[in-house]
Amino acid sequence: MQMTWKKLLGLTALLLLCFYIISVWWSVEPDALTPQQLVQDEGKPIVGYATTSSLIVTLETLLDKQGGWLSNDVIPPSLMMDNMPAFEFGALEQARDLALIMRNEFSRSQSQSTADKDLPAAQAKLNIDHTSWLVPSAESEYREAIKLLKLYRARISDINHPDAQFYARADNLNEWLKEVQKRLGSMSQRLSASVGQERLNTDLSGDSAARQSTPGMASSQIKTSWWQIDDVFYESRGASWALLNFMRAIEIDFAEVLKKKNAEVSLRQIIRELEATQQTVWSPIILNGSGFGFVANHSLVMANYVSRANAAVIDLTNLLSQG
């Protein structure tokens, strides 16, 4: 009986070790896309090809990386993992935003024009719950969205399909950048809340006639739960990774617009700050020191890069808005 218990404990320890090794391997984050991955191999450059390809390849990378899509797994070891699922969700949120803007802005010449036939369906399929594992599963819906995006990319590359277009204009690029500002601003606030802070209520600032549904407190204490600090960090890291992919594509498709507005440097500054968010994390855990304390605070470091990227996005938006 004693030997049986020893064998059982040994097998359990071996199983846990295998789970740990697999979890570490599956937690390796994908590299950002390179500009070479976003352009067609030959022929005249097609406007919109790079942006559409960045969305396609970003989604394919999330689905085909080590371990595949982990957010909806219901068995060990992925069931016990939370960092990579948080990374996936952050990247997915950015992909959803871009798909929506492609549907409503990039593929339409004006507000009264007809929506592209493939993009609405692709955008709808990306909105399935990322944890769904029954029929339909999240992976199957996302792969259907990729197929539709590839059809759209093929049609904008074919002169025989003038109904499919991608319009690279300053105004529709600004619409996407406004969504990016909101995401980055929210990410920065959530990351900064890792140490806890008192925030004054500025909800109605700037408009003396503004009102809200129910009264708000003059100030509130905001602090991220200790159990969620690493999730917020990796969600922001995933969102920054996807956004870096998209910005590199925007630099290609909107090159003429950026040149006319003398805004190329502003976009490169955004890309530089986003690249900084993807530096290797050497610590085995996400540390949560108190700002100027003895221990580092990885969330505050990430918040710094995200805030700088957001400031650069605001500058770029202002440049594009000028005549």
Protein backbone atom coordinates (compact mmCIF):
# COMPACT_ATOMS: atom_id res chain seq x y z
CA MET A 1 0.00 0.00 0.00
CA GLN A 2 2.86 2.38 0.88
CA MET A 3 4.52 1.75 -2.50
CA THR A 4 1.21 2.43 -4.24
CA TRP A 5 0.93 5.82 -2.58
CA LYS A 6 4.53 6.64 -3.49
CA LYS A 7 3.88 5.73 -7.12
CA LEU A 8 0.71 7.80 -7.15
CA LEU A 9 2.53 10.82 -5.71
CA GLY A 10 5.36 10.35 -8.17
CA LEU A 11 2.99 10.17 -11.12
CA THR A 12 1.14 13.25 -9.88
CA ALA A 13 4.39 15.18 -9.54
CA LEU A 14 5.47 14.07 -13.03
CA LEU A 15 2.10 15.10 -14.48
CA LEU A 16 2.30 18.52 -12.84
CA LEU A 17 5.82 18.98 -14.17
CA CYS A 18 4.65 18.11 -17.69
CA PHE A 19 1.76 20.55 -17.34
CA TYR A 20 4.17 23.26 -16.22
CA ILE A 21 6.55 22.70 -19.14
CA ILE A 22 3.65 22.75 -21.62
CA SER A 23 2.25 25.91 -20.03
CA VAL A 24 5.61 27.67 -20.35
CA TRP A 25 5.89 26.63 -24.00
CA TRP A 26 2.36 27.73 -24.78
CA SER A 27 2.95 31.07 -23.05
CA VAL A 28 5.62 32.17 -25.53
CA GLU A 29 4.24 35.30 -27.18
CA PRO A 30 4.24 35.64 -30.98
CA ASP A 31 6.55 38.09 -32.73
CA ALA A 32 5.13 41.25 -34.26
CA LEU A 33 4.54 41.25 -38.00
CA THR A 34 7.16 42.69 -40.31
CA PRO A 35 6.33 45.04 -43.22
CA GLN A 36 7.42 42.27 -45.62
CA GLN A 37 4.57 40.08 -44.37
CA LEU A 38 2.01 42.75 -45.22
CA VAL A 39 2.64 43.44 -48.91
CA GLN A 40 1.88 41.35 -51.97
CA ASP A 41 4.77 39.46 -53.52
CA GLU A 42 4.66 41.17 -56.89
CA GLY A 43 2.75 43.65 -58.98
CA LYS A 44 1.59 47.18 -58.31
CA PRO A 45 0.88 47.90 -54.61
CA ILE A 46 -2.83 47.62 -53.80
CA VAL A 47 -4.29 50.18 -51.41
CA GLY A 48 -5.75 48.33 -48.44
CA TYR A 49 -3.84 45.10 -49.01
CA ALA A 50 -1.46 45.67 -46.09
CA THR A 51 -4.17 46.64 -43.59
CA THR A 52 -6.38 43.71 -44.54
CA SER A 53 -3.39 41.36 -44.44
CA SER A 54 -2.39 42.62 -40.99
CA LEU A 55 -5.82 41.74 -39.65
CA ILE A 56 -5.79 38.34 -41.34
CA VAL A 57 -2.28 37.37 -40.23
CA THR A 58 -2.86 38.67 -36.69
CA LEU A 59 -5.92 36.45 -36.32
CA GLU A 60 -4.16 33.47 -37.93
CA THR A 61 -1.22 33.91 -35.56
CA LEU A 62 -3.52 33.89 -32.53
CA LEU A 63 -5.19 30.69 -33.73
CA ASP A 64 -2.07 28.83 -34.92
CA LYS A 65 0.54 29.74 -32.29
CA GLN A 66 1.81 27.14 -29.80
CA GLY A 67 -1.22 25.62 -28.12
CA GLY A 68 -3.63 27.31 -30.51
CA TRP A 69 -6.49 29.40 -29.12
CA LEU A 70 -6.39 28.89 -25.35
CA SER A 71 -9.15 31.20 -24.09
CA ASN A 72 -11.90 28.60 -24.47
CA ASP A 73 -10.01 25.48 -23.36
CA VAL A 74 -11.72 23.53 -20.58
CA ILE A 75 -9.04 20.93 -19.78
CA PRO A 76 -5.58 21.23 -18.18
CA PRO A 77 -3.03 22.63 -18.58
CA SER A 78 -4.58 25.54 -20.51
CA LEU A 79 -7.52 25.62 -18.08
CA MET A 80 -5.09 26.74 -15.40
CA MET A 81 -3.40 29.36 -17.59
CA ASP A 82 -4.52 32.98 -17.59
CA ASN A 83 -1.68 35.10 -19.03
CA MET A 84 -1.91 33.90 -22.62
CA PRO A 85 -5.74 33.95 -22.68
CA ALA A 86 -5.52 37.56 -21.45
CA PHE A 87 -3.01 38.30 -24.23
CA GLU A 88 -5.40 36.74 -26.76
CA PHE A 89 -8.35 38.79 -25.54
CA GLY A 90 -6.41 42.06 -25.71
CA ALA A 91 -5.34 41.35 -29.28
CA LEU A 92 -8.85 40.23 -30.23
CA GLU A 93 -10.37 43.50 -28.98
CA GLN A 94 -8.05 45.45 -31.28
CA ALA A 95 -8.92 43.15 -34.19
CA ARG A 96 -12.63 43.70 -33.55
CA ASP A 97 -12.15 47.47 -33.58
CA LEU A 98 -10.26 47.38 -36.87
CA ALA A 99 -12.81 45.05 -38.47
CA LEU A 100 -15.61 47.43 -37.48
CA ILE A 101 -13.79 50.44 -38.93
CA MET A 102 -13.03 48.51 -42.13
CA ARG A 103 -16.72 47.73 -42.42
CA ASN A 104 -17.99 51.24 -41.69
CA GLU A 105 -15.19 53.51 -42.90
CA PHE A 106 -12.31 52.08 -44.92
CA SER A 107 -14.51 50.19 -47.40
CA ARG A 108 -17.06 52.98 -47.93
CA SER A 109 -16.61 56.18 -49.92
CA GLN A 110 -19.21 58.14 -47.94
CA SER A 111 -21.92 57.71 -45.31
CA GLN A 112 -24.62 56.88 -47.87
CA SER A 113 -22.60 54.25 -49.75
CA THR A 114 -23.36 50.53 -49.54
CA ALA A 115 -21.39 48.36 -47.12
CA ASP A 116 -19.11 45.67 -48.57
CA LYS A 117 -20.77 42.26 -48.72
CA ASP A 118 -18.02 40.30 -46.90
CA LEU A 119 -16.88 42.70 -44.17
CA PRO A 120 -20.16 42.85 -42.18
CA ALA A 121 -20.25 39.07 -41.93
CA ALA A 122 -16.56 38.90 -40.97
CA GLN A 123 -16.98 41.57 -38.31
CA ALA A 124 -20.04 39.79 -36.87
CA LYS A 125 -18.18 36.47 -36.59
CA LEU A 126 -15.34 38.11 -34.67
CA ASN A 127 -17.83 39.21 -32.01
CA ILE A 128 -18.56 35.70 -30.74
CA ASP A 129 -17.59 35.17 -27.09
CA HIS A 130 -13.86 34.35 -27.05
CA THR A 131 -14.47 31.65 -24.41
CA SER A 132 -17.11 29.79 -26.43
CA TRP A 133 -16.10 26.13 -26.91
CA LEU A 134 -19.39 24.50 -27.88
CA VAL A 135 -20.96 24.75 -31.34
CA PRO A 136 -20.05 27.18 -32.74
CA SER A 137 -16.64 27.41 -31.14
CA ALA A 138 -14.69 30.65 -31.09
CA GLU A 139 -11.97 29.18 -33.33
CA SER A 140 -14.40 28.08 -36.03
CA GLU A 141 -16.07 31.50 -36.15
CA TYR A 142 -12.75 33.33 -36.28
CA ARG A 143 -11.54 31.10 -39.12
CA GLU A 144 -14.74 31.85 -41.03
CA ALA A 145 -14.04 35.55 -40.50
CA ILE A 146 -10.53 35.06 -41.90
CA LYS A 147 -11.96 33.40 -45.01
CA LEU A 148 -14.29 36.36 -45.57
CA LEU A 149 -11.45 38.82 -45.08
CA LYS A 150 -9.38 36.93 -47.64
CA LEU A 151 -12.27 37.15 -50.10
CA TYR A 152 -12.42 40.90 -49.54
CA ARG A 153 -8.65 41.19 -50.02
CA ALA A 154 -8.85 39.22 -53.25
CA ARG A 155 -11.64 41.44 -54.57
CA ILE A 156 -9.86 44.73 -53.85
CA SER A 157 -6.85 43.28 -55.69
CA ASP A 158 -8.93 42.47 -58.79
CA ILE A 159 -9.71 45.28 -61.24
CA ASN A 160 -12.74 43.27 -62.36
CA HIS A 161 -14.42 43.87 -58.98
CA PRO A 162 -14.78 47.66 -58.70
CA ASP A 163 -17.51 47.14 -56.07
CA ALA A 164 -14.80 46.20 -53.53
CA GLN A 165 -12.72 49.17 -52.44
CA PHE A 166 -10.44 50.36 -49.64
CA TYR A 167 -10.33 54.14 -49.27
CA ALA A 168 -7.15 55.55 -47.74
CA ARG A 169 -8.25 59.00 -46.60
CA ALA A 170 -7.34 61.18 -43.65
CA ASP A 171 -10.92 61.34 -42.36
CA ASN A 172 -11.54 57.60 -42.18
CA LEU A 173 -8.08 56.96 -40.71
CA ASN A 174 -8.99 59.46 -38.01
CA GLU A 175 -12.12 57.44 -37.16
CA TRP A 176 -9.99 54.41 -36.38
CA LEU A 177 -7.45 56.48 -34.44
CA LYS A 178 -10.27 57.79 -32.23
CA GLU A 179 -11.12 54.20 -31.28
CA VAL A 180 -7.44 53.52 -30.63
CA GLN A 181 -7.29 56.53 -28.29
CA LYS A 182 -10.15 55.16 -26.21
CA ARG A 183 -8.56 51.72 -25.93
CA LEU A 184 -5.13 53.06 -25.03
CA GLY A 185 -6.59 55.50 -22.50
CA SER A 186 -8.51 52.71 -20.79
CA MET A 187 -5.45 50.44 -20.80
CA SER A 188 -3.30 53.14 -19.25
CA GLN A 189 -5.80 53.77 -16.44
CA ARG A 190 -6.18 50.07 -15.63
CA LEU A 191 -2.42 49.53 -15.59
CA SER A 192 -1.87 52.56 -13.35
CA ALA A 193 -4.47 51.26 -10.89
CA SER A 194 -2.09 48.43 -9.94
CA VAL A 195 -0.79 50.53 -7.03
CA GLY A 196 -4.12 52.10 -6.15
CA GLN A 197 -4.89 55.78 -6.52
CA GLU A 198 -7.55 58.33 -5.70
CA ARG A 199 -9.21 59.73 -8.82
CA LEU A 200 -11.22 62.91 -8.97
CA ASN A 201 -14.48 62.82 -10.90
CA THR A 202 -13.96 64.65 -14.22
CA ASP A 203 -16.90 63.06 -16.05
CA LEU A 204 -18.69 66.36 -16.70
CA SER A 205 -15.68 68.62 -17.08
CA GLY A 206 -15.74 71.19 -19.86
CA ASP A 207 -19.51 71.62 -20.16
CA SER A 208 -21.51 73.45 -17.47
CA ALA A 209 -24.77 72.12 -18.94
CA ALA A 210 -23.67 68.47 -18.98
CA ARG A 211 -25.69 65.97 -16.92
CA GLN A 212 -25.44 62.27 -16.11
CA SER A 213 -27.98 59.59 -15.18
CA THR A 214 -27.13 59.26 -11.50
CA PRO A 215 -24.93 61.39 -9.23
CA GLY A 216 -21.28 60.40 -9.05
CA MET A 217 -18.85 60.68 -6.14
CA ALA A 218 -16.42 63.61 -6.13
CA SER A 219 -13.55 61.14 -5.89
CA SER A 220 -13.04 57.38 -5.73
CA GLN A 221 -10.30 54.95 -4.76
CA ILE A 222 -9.30 52.75 -7.69
CA LYS A 223 -7.11 49.69 -7.23
CA THR A 224 -6.72 46.57 -9.35
CA SER A 225 -7.17 43.32 -7.45
CA TRP A 226 -3.90 41.51 -6.70
CA TRP A 227 -5.29 38.49 -8.55
CA GLN A 228 -5.94 40.49 -11.73
CA ILE A 229 -2.71 42.49 -12.04
CA ASP A 230 -0.99 39.99 -14.35
CA ASP A 231 -4.18 39.57 -16.43
CA VAL A 232 -4.44 43.34 -17.02
CA PHE A 233 -0.73 43.45 -17.88
CA TYR A 234 -0.92 40.67 -20.47
CA GLU A 235 -4.20 41.92 -21.91
CA SER A 236 -2.50 45.27 -22.51
CA ARG A 237 0.53 43.51 -23.96
CA GLY A 238 -1.66 41.56 -26.39
CA ALA A 239 -3.55 44.69 -27.42
CA SER A 240 -0.27 46.54 -28.00
CA TRP A 241 1.05 43.63 -30.06
CA ALA A 242 -1.98 43.65 -32.37
CA LEU A 243 -1.96 47.45 -32.58
CA LEU A 244 1.71 47.39 -33.56
CA ASN A 245 0.85 45.03 -36.42
CA PHE A 246 -1.93 47.34 -37.60
CA MET A 247 0.14 50.52 -37.33
CA ARG A 248 2.85 49.03 -39.53
CA ALA A 249 0.17 48.26 -42.11
CA ILE A 250 -1.30 51.75 -41.86
CA GLU A 251 2.15 53.16 -42.58
CA ILE A 252 2.07 51.33 -45.92
CA ASP A 253 -1.52 51.89 -47.05
CA PHE A 254 -1.79 55.51 -45.91
CA ALA A 255 1.72 56.54 -46.98
CA GLU A 256 0.50 59.28 -49.33
CA VAL A 257 -1.95 60.68 -46.79
CA LEU A 258 0.71 60.75 -44.08
CA LYS A 259 3.20 62.37 -46.44
CA LYS A 260 0.76 65.10 -47.44
CA LYS A 261 0.05 65.88 -43.77
CA ASN A 262 3.76 65.60 -42.90
CA ALA A 263 2.75 63.03 -40.31
CA GLU A 264 5.10 60.13 -41.07
CA VAL A 265 7.27 60.86 -38.03
CA SER A 266 4.21 60.92 -35.75
CA LEU A 267 3.21 57.44 -36.87
CA ARG A 268 6.76 56.16 -36.47
CA GLN A 269 6.74 57.49 -32.90
CA ILE A 270 3.60 55.48 -32.18
CA ILE A 271 5.25 52.38 -33.63
CA ARG A 272 8.37 52.98 -31.53
CA GLU A 273 6.38 53.22 -28.30
CA LEU A 274 4.38 50.09 -29.15
CA GLU A 275 7.59 48.21 -29.92
CA ALA A 276 8.78 49.08 -26.41
CA THR A 277 5.73 47.34 -24.93
CA GLN A 278 6.90 44.07 -26.50
CA GLN A 279 10.26 43.90 -24.76
CA THR A 280 11.04 40.60 -23.07
CA VAL A 281 9.72 40.22 -19.52
CA TRP A 282 12.60 38.61 -17.66
CA SER A 283 10.79 38.25 -14.35
CA PRO A 284 8.91 34.94 -13.84
CA ILE A 285 6.02 36.90 -12.29
CA ILE A 286 4.54 40.35 -12.86
CA LEU A 287 5.83 42.42 -9.96
CA ASN A 288 3.70 45.04 -8.29
CA GLY A 289 6.05 47.31 -6.38
CA SER A 290 4.90 50.65 -4.98
CA GLY A 291 6.09 53.04 -7.62
CA PHE A 292 9.37 54.25 -6.08
CA GLY A 293 9.77 51.17 -3.86
CA PHE A 294 12.49 48.49 -3.83
CA VAL A 295 10.54 46.17 -6.14
CA ALA A 296 9.70 47.01 -9.74
CA ASN A 297 6.15 47.60 -10.92
CA HIS A 298 5.78 46.13 -14.40
CA SER A 299 2.28 47.54 -14.81
CA LEU A 300 3.51 51.12 -14.35
CA VAL A 301 6.29 50.56 -16.88
CA MET A 302 3.75 49.27 -19.39
CA ALA A 303 1.42 52.17 -18.56
CA ASN A 304 4.22 54.59 -19.40
CA TYR A 305 4.70 53.19 -22.90
CA VAL A 306 0.95 52.94 -23.49
CA SER A 307 0.41 56.54 -22.37
CA ARG A 308 3.22 57.78 -24.62
CA ALA A 309 1.73 55.85 -27.54
CA ASN A 310 -1.67 57.38 -26.79
CA ALA A 311 -0.17 60.88 -26.70
CA ALA A 312 1.42 60.23 -30.10
CA VAL A 313 -1.93 58.98 -31.46
CA ILE A 314 -3.60 62.20 -30.28
CA ASP A 315 -0.89 64.24 -32.01
CA LEU A 316 -1.38 62.26 -35.22
CA THR A 317 -5.16 62.75 -35.02
CA ASN A 318 -4.68 66.50 -34.73
CA LEU A 319 -2.34 66.55 -37.71
CA LEU A 320 -4.78 64.61 -39.88
CA SER A 321 -7.62 66.93 -38.87
CA GLN A 322 -5.79 69.98 -40.14
CA GLY A 323 -6.46 71.20 -43.67
